[in-house]
Amino acid sequence: MKWDKSAEKAITQIKEKNYTQLVKKLGYDGEVLLVGINYSTKTKKHSCVIKNFR
C-alpha cells in the first residue's frame, strides 16, 4: 500500500523487493495475484491495481 503515490508503484515495489519469493519458499508454485493499493490524502480515495504474476 502506498500513500500519495500510485497503485502501480506499489506493484513495482512488490516486484523489486521479491516479495513473491516468500510464497515460493513456502512451496507454492502457481500464479500469484499482486495487489497494489494507493490512498490519496487529498481526495480521500483509494485506487487499486491487480495483476497476475508467475
PDB file of N, CA and C in Angstrom:
ATOM      1  N   MET A   1       0.848  -1.176   0.000  1.00  0.00           N
ATOM      2  CA  MET A   1       0.000   0.000   0.000  1.00  0.00           C
ATOM      3  C   MET A   1       0.891   1.236   0.000  1.00  0.00           C
ATOM      4  N   LYS A   2       0.482   2.218  -0.752  1.00  0.00           N
ATOM      5  CA  LYS A   2       1.196   3.487  -0.833  1.00  0.00           C
ATOM      6  C   LYS A   2       0.256   4.626  -0.447  1.00  0.00           C
ATOM      7  N   TRP A   3       0.838   5.701   0.014  1.00  0.00           N
ATOM      8  CA  TRP A   3       0.106   6.931   0.295  1.00  0.00           C
ATOM      9  C   TRP A   3       0.607   7.994  -0.669  1.00  0.00           C
ATOM     10  N   ASP A   4      -0.303   8.597  -1.385  1.00  0.00           N
ATOM     11  CA  ASP A   4       0.009   9.702  -2.297  1.00  0.00           C
ATOM     12  C   ASP A   4       1.070   9.352  -3.343  1.00  0.00           C
ATOM     13  N   LYS A   5       1.079   8.116  -3.781  1.00  0.00           N
ATOM     14  CA  LYS A   5       1.973   7.673  -4.866  1.00  0.00           C
ATOM     15  C   LYS A   5       1.070   7.145  -5.973  1.00  0.00           C
ATOM     16  N   SER A   6       1.161   5.845  -6.252  1.00  0.00           N
ATOM     17  CA  SER A   6       0.251   5.211  -7.206  1.00  0.00           C
ATOM     18  C   SER A   6       0.158   3.724  -6.882  1.00  0.00           C
ATOM     19  N   ALA A   7      -0.949   3.130  -7.263  1.00  0.00           N
ATOM     20  CA  ALA A   7      -1.119   1.696  -7.069  1.00  0.00           C
ATOM     21  C   ALA A   7      -0.095   0.930  -7.904  1.00  0.00           C
ATOM     22  N   GLU A   8       0.241   1.465  -9.060  1.00  0.00           N
ATOM     23  CA  GLU A   8       1.246   0.836  -9.924  1.00  0.00           C
ATOM     24  C   GLU A   8       2.621   0.839  -9.238  1.00  0.00           C
ATOM     25  N   LYS A   9       2.932   1.893  -8.511  1.00  0.00           N
ATOM     26  CA  LYS A   9       4.200   1.969  -7.770  1.00  0.00           C
ATOM     27  C   LYS A   9       4.248   0.896  -6.681  1.00  0.00           C
ATOM     28  N   ALA A  10       3.120   0.604  -6.079  1.00  0.00           N
ATOM     29  CA  ALA A  10       3.068  -0.460  -5.071  1.00  0.00           C
ATOM     30  C   ALA A  10       3.373  -1.816  -5.712  1.00  0.00           C
ATOM     31  N   ILE A  11       2.849  -2.063  -6.910  1.00  0.00           N
ATOM     32  CA  ILE A  11       3.142  -3.305  -7.638  1.00  0.00           C
ATOM     33  C   ILE A  11       4.637  -3.377  -7.959  1.00  0.00           C
ATOM     34  N   THR A  12       5.205  -2.276  -8.390  1.00  0.00           N
ATOM     35  CA  THR A  12       6.635  -2.230  -8.704  1.00  0.00           C
ATOM     36  C   THR A  12       7.466  -2.572  -7.475  1.00  0.00           C
ATOM     37  N   GLN A  13       7.086  -2.054  -6.331  1.00  0.00           N
ATOM     38  CA  GLN A  13       7.816  -2.344  -5.096  1.00  0.00           C
ATOM     39  C   GLN A  13       7.747  -3.830  -4.751  1.00  0.00           C
ATOM     40  N   ILE A  14       6.604  -4.442  -4.928  1.00  0.00           N
ATOM     41  CA  ILE A  14       6.456  -5.875  -4.656  1.00  0.00           C
ATOM     42  C   ILE A  14       7.441  -6.662  -5.518  1.00  0.00           C
ATOM     43  N   LYS A  15       7.533  -6.308  -6.792  1.00  0.00           N
ATOM     44  CA  LYS A  15       8.439  -7.000  -7.705  1.00  0.00           C
ATOM     45  C   LYS A  15       9.901  -6.721  -7.373  1.00  0.00           C
ATOM     46  N   GLU A  16      10.243  -5.462  -7.112  1.00  0.00           N
ATOM     47  CA  GLU A  16      11.637  -5.091  -6.828  1.00  0.00           C
ATOM     48  C   GLU A  16      12.170  -5.740  -5.557  1.00  0.00           C
ATOM     49  N   LYS A  17      11.327  -5.878  -4.567  1.00  0.00           N
ATOM     50  CA  LYS A  17      11.764  -6.451  -3.291  1.00  0.00           C
ATOM     51  C   LYS A  17      11.575  -7.967  -3.231  1.00  0.00           C
ATOM     52  N   ASN A  18      11.147  -8.559  -4.351  1.00  0.00           N
ATOM     53  CA  ASN A  18      10.996 -10.012  -4.462  1.00  0.00           C
ATOM     54  C   ASN A  18      10.103 -10.623  -3.375  1.00  0.00           C
ATOM     55  N   TYR A  19       9.035  -9.931  -3.033  1.00  0.00           N
ATOM     56  CA  TYR A  19       8.113 -10.460  -2.032  1.00  0.00           C
ATOM     57  C   TYR A  19       7.481 -11.770  -2.484  1.00  0.00           C
ATOM     58  N   THR A  20       7.412 -11.987  -3.784  1.00  0.00           N
ATOM     59  CA  THR A  20       6.816 -13.225  -4.294  1.00  0.00           C
ATOM     60  C   THR A  20       7.683 -14.446  -3.977  1.00  0.00           C
ATOM     61  N   GLN A  21       8.962 -14.245  -3.687  1.00  0.00           N
ATOM     62  CA  GLN A  21       9.839 -15.366  -3.351  1.00  0.00           C
ATOM     63  C   GLN A  21       9.414 -16.033  -2.049  1.00  0.00           C
ATOM     64  N   LEU A  22       8.826 -15.290  -1.143  1.00  0.00           N
ATOM     65  CA  LEU A  22       8.346 -15.861   0.114  1.00  0.00           C
ATOM     66  C   LEU A  22       7.309 -16.943  -0.148  1.00  0.00           C
ATOM     67  N   VAL A  23       6.418 -16.680  -1.077  1.00  0.00           N
ATOM     68  CA  VAL A  23       5.379 -17.653  -1.410  1.00  0.00           C
ATOM     69  C   VAL A  23       6.010 -18.914  -2.000  1.00  0.00           C
ATOM     70  N   LYS A  24       7.000 -18.735  -2.850  1.00  0.00           N
ATOM     71  CA  LYS A  24       7.679 -19.884  -3.456  1.00  0.00           C
ATOM     72  C   LYS A  24       8.442 -20.688  -2.409  1.00  0.00           C
ATOM     73  N   LYS A  25       9.036 -20.008  -1.425  1.00  0.00           N
ATOM     74  CA  LYS A  25       9.755 -20.708  -0.354  1.00  0.00           C
ATOM     75  C   LYS A  25       8.813 -21.571   0.471  1.00  0.00           C
ATOM     76  N   LEU A  26       7.564 -21.183   0.527  1.00  0.00           N
ATOM     77  CA  LEU A  26       6.567 -21.962   1.256  1.00  0.00           C
ATOM     78  C   LEU A  26       6.036 -23.137   0.442  1.00  0.00           C
ATOM     79  N   GLY A  27       6.537 -23.264  -0.800  1.00  0.00           N
ATOM     80  CA  GLY A  27       6.180 -24.417  -1.615  1.00  0.00           C
ATOM     81  C   GLY A  27       5.111 -24.179  -2.660  1.00  0.00           C
ATOM     82  N   TYR A  28       4.614 -22.982  -2.772  1.00  0.00           N
ATOM     83  CA  TYR A  28       3.584 -22.696  -3.770  1.00  0.00           C
ATOM     84  C   TYR A  28       4.247 -22.377  -5.101  1.00  0.00           C
ATOM     85  N   ASP A  29       3.736 -22.988  -6.178  1.00  0.00           N
ATOM     86  CA  ASP A  29       4.352 -22.782  -7.487  1.00  0.00           C
ATOM     87  C   ASP A  29       3.342 -22.344  -8.542  1.00  0.00           C
ATOM     88  N   GLY A  30       2.240 -21.773  -8.128  1.00  0.00           N
ATOM     89  CA  GLY A  30       1.229 -21.336  -9.088  1.00  0.00           C
ATOM     90  C   GLY A  30       1.269 -19.836  -9.313  1.00  0.00           C
ATOM     91  N   GLU A  31       0.211 -19.338  -9.895  1.00  0.00           N
ATOM     92  CA  GLU A  31       0.102 -17.898 -10.114  1.00  0.00           C
ATOM     93  C   GLU A  31      -0.179 -17.181  -8.793  1.00  0.00           C
ATOM     94  N   VAL A  32       0.314 -15.972  -8.713  1.00  0.00           N
ATOM     95  CA  VAL A  32       0.116 -15.137  -7.527  1.00  0.00           C
ATOM     96  C   VAL A  32      -0.554 -13.846  -7.989  1.00  0.00           C
ATOM     97  N   LEU A  33      -1.504 -13.368  -7.220  1.00  0.00           N
ATOM     98  CA  LEU A  33      -2.110 -12.068  -7.510  1.00  0.00           C
ATOM     99  C   LEU A  33      -1.343 -10.996  -6.763  1.00  0.00           C
ATOM    100  N   LEU A  34      -0.849 -10.015  -7.499  1.00  0.00           N
ATOM    101  CA  LEU A  34      -0.201  -8.863  -6.888  1.00  0.00           C
ATOM    102  C   LEU A  34      -1.249  -7.757  -6.780  1.00  0.00           C
ATOM    103  N   VAL A  35      -1.385  -7.191  -5.606  1.00  0.00           N
ATOM    104  CA  VAL A  35      -2.391  -6.158  -5.375  1.00  0.00           C
ATOM    105  C   VAL A  35      -1.685  -4.901  -4.881  1.00  0.00           C
ATOM    106  N   GLY A  36      -1.770  -3.852  -5.676  1.00  0.00           N
ATOM    107  CA  GLY A  36      -1.200  -2.566  -5.304  1.00  0.00           C
ATOM    108  C   GLY A  36      -2.326  -1.600  -4.978  1.00  0.00           C
ATOM    109  N   ILE A  37      -2.211  -0.955  -3.824  1.00  0.00           N
ATOM    110  CA  ILE A  37      -3.252  -0.033  -3.365  1.00  0.00           C
ATOM    111  C   ILE A  37      -2.619   1.319  -3.052  1.00  0.00           C
ATOM    112  N   ASN A  38      -3.276   2.378  -3.453  1.00  0.00           N
ATOM    113  CA  ASN A  38      -2.836   3.719  -3.127  1.00  0.00           C
ATOM    114  C   ASN A  38      -3.978   4.457  -2.443  1.00  0.00           C
ATOM    115  N   TYR A  39      -3.613   5.270  -1.461  1.00  0.00           N
ATOM    116  CA  TYR A  39      -4.581   6.130  -0.786  1.00  0.00           C
ATOM    117  C   TYR A  39      -4.152   7.578  -0.982  1.00  0.00           C
ATOM    118  N   SER A  40      -5.054   8.382  -1.505  1.00  0.00           N
ATOM    119  CA  SER A  40      -4.779   9.801  -1.712  1.00  0.00           C
ATOM    120  C   SER A  40      -5.277  10.583  -0.505  1.00  0.00           C
ATOM    121  N   THR A  41      -4.360  11.260   0.160  1.00  0.00           N
ATOM    122  CA  THR A  41      -4.763  12.064   1.314  1.00  0.00           C
ATOM    123  C   THR A  41      -5.499  13.331   0.883  1.00  0.00           C
ATOM    124  N   LYS A  42      -5.326  13.734  -0.373  1.00  0.00           N
ATOM    125  CA  LYS A  42      -6.028  14.926  -0.869  1.00  0.00           C
ATOM    126  C   LYS A  42      -7.489  14.634  -1.182  1.00  0.00           C
ATOM    127  N   THR A  43      -7.727  13.526  -1.919  1.00  0.00           N
ATOM    128  CA  THR A  43      -9.088  13.205  -2.339  1.00  0.00           C
ATOM    129  C   THR A  43      -9.788  12.237  -1.389  1.00  0.00           C
ATOM    130  N   LYS A  44      -9.014  11.628  -0.493  1.00  0.00           N
ATOM    131  CA  LYS A  44      -9.540  10.623   0.460  1.00  0.00           C
ATOM    132  C   LYS A  44     -10.078   9.388  -0.265  1.00  0.00           C
ATOM    133  N   LYS A  45      -9.512   9.089  -1.450  1.00  0.00           N
ATOM    134  CA  LYS A  45      -9.946   7.931  -2.229  1.00  0.00           C
ATOM    135  C   LYS A  45      -8.806   6.936  -2.385  1.00  0.00           C
ATOM    136  N   HIS A  46      -9.202   5.680  -2.585  1.00  0.00           N
ATOM    137  CA  HIS A  46      -8.254   4.605  -2.831  1.00  0.00           C
ATOM    138  C   HIS A  46      -8.256   4.259  -4.313  1.00  0.00           C
ATOM    139  N   SER A  47      -7.119   3.790  -4.811  1.00  0.00           N
ATOM    140  CA  SER A  47      -7.058   3.196  -6.142  1.00  0.00           C
ATOM    141  C   SER A  47      -6.359   1.847  -5.989  1.00  0.00           C
ATOM    142  N   CYS A  48      -6.657   0.945  -6.914  1.00  0.00           N
ATOM    143  CA  CYS A  48      -6.154  -0.419  -6.787  1.00  0.00           C
ATOM    144  C   CYS A  48      -5.790  -0.971  -8.162  1.00  0.00           C
ATOM    145  N   VAL A  49      -4.688  -1.740  -8.207  1.00  0.00           N
ATOM    146  CA  VAL A  49      -4.274  -2.448  -9.416  1.00  0.00           C
ATOM    147  C   VAL A  49      -4.048  -3.891  -9.000  1.00  0.00           C
ATOM    148  N   ILE A  50      -4.591  -4.828  -9.780  1.00  0.00           N
ATOM    149  CA  ILE A  50      -4.406  -6.252  -9.519  1.00  0.00           C
ATOM    150  C   ILE A  50      -3.796  -6.880 -10.761  1.00  0.00           C
ATOM    151  N   LYS A  51      -2.704  -7.639 -10.561  1.00  0.00           N
ATOM    152  CA  LYS A  51      -2.032  -8.281 -11.690  1.00  0.00           C
ATOM    153  C   LYS A  51      -1.687  -9.730 -11.356  1.00  0.00           C
ATOM    154  N   ASN A  52      -1.758 -10.580 -12.362  1.00  0.00           N
ATOM    155  CA  ASN A  52      -1.286 -11.961 -12.212  1.00  0.00           C
ATOM    156  C   ASN A  52       0.219 -11.971 -12.293  1.00  0.00           C
ATOM    157  N   PHE A  53       0.856 -12.840 -11.520  1.00  0.00           N
ATOM    158  CA  PHE A  53       2.302 -12.967 -11.543  1.00  0.00           C
ATOM    159  C   PHE A  53       2.653 -14.442 -11.427  1.00  0.00           C
ATOM    160  N   ARG A  54       3.597 -14.862 -12.202  1.00  0.00           N
ATOM    161  CA  ARG A  54       4.034 -16.270 -12.148  1.00  0.00           C
ATOM    162  C   ARG A  54       5.462 -16.323 -11.777  1.00  0.00           C
TER     163      ARG A  54
END
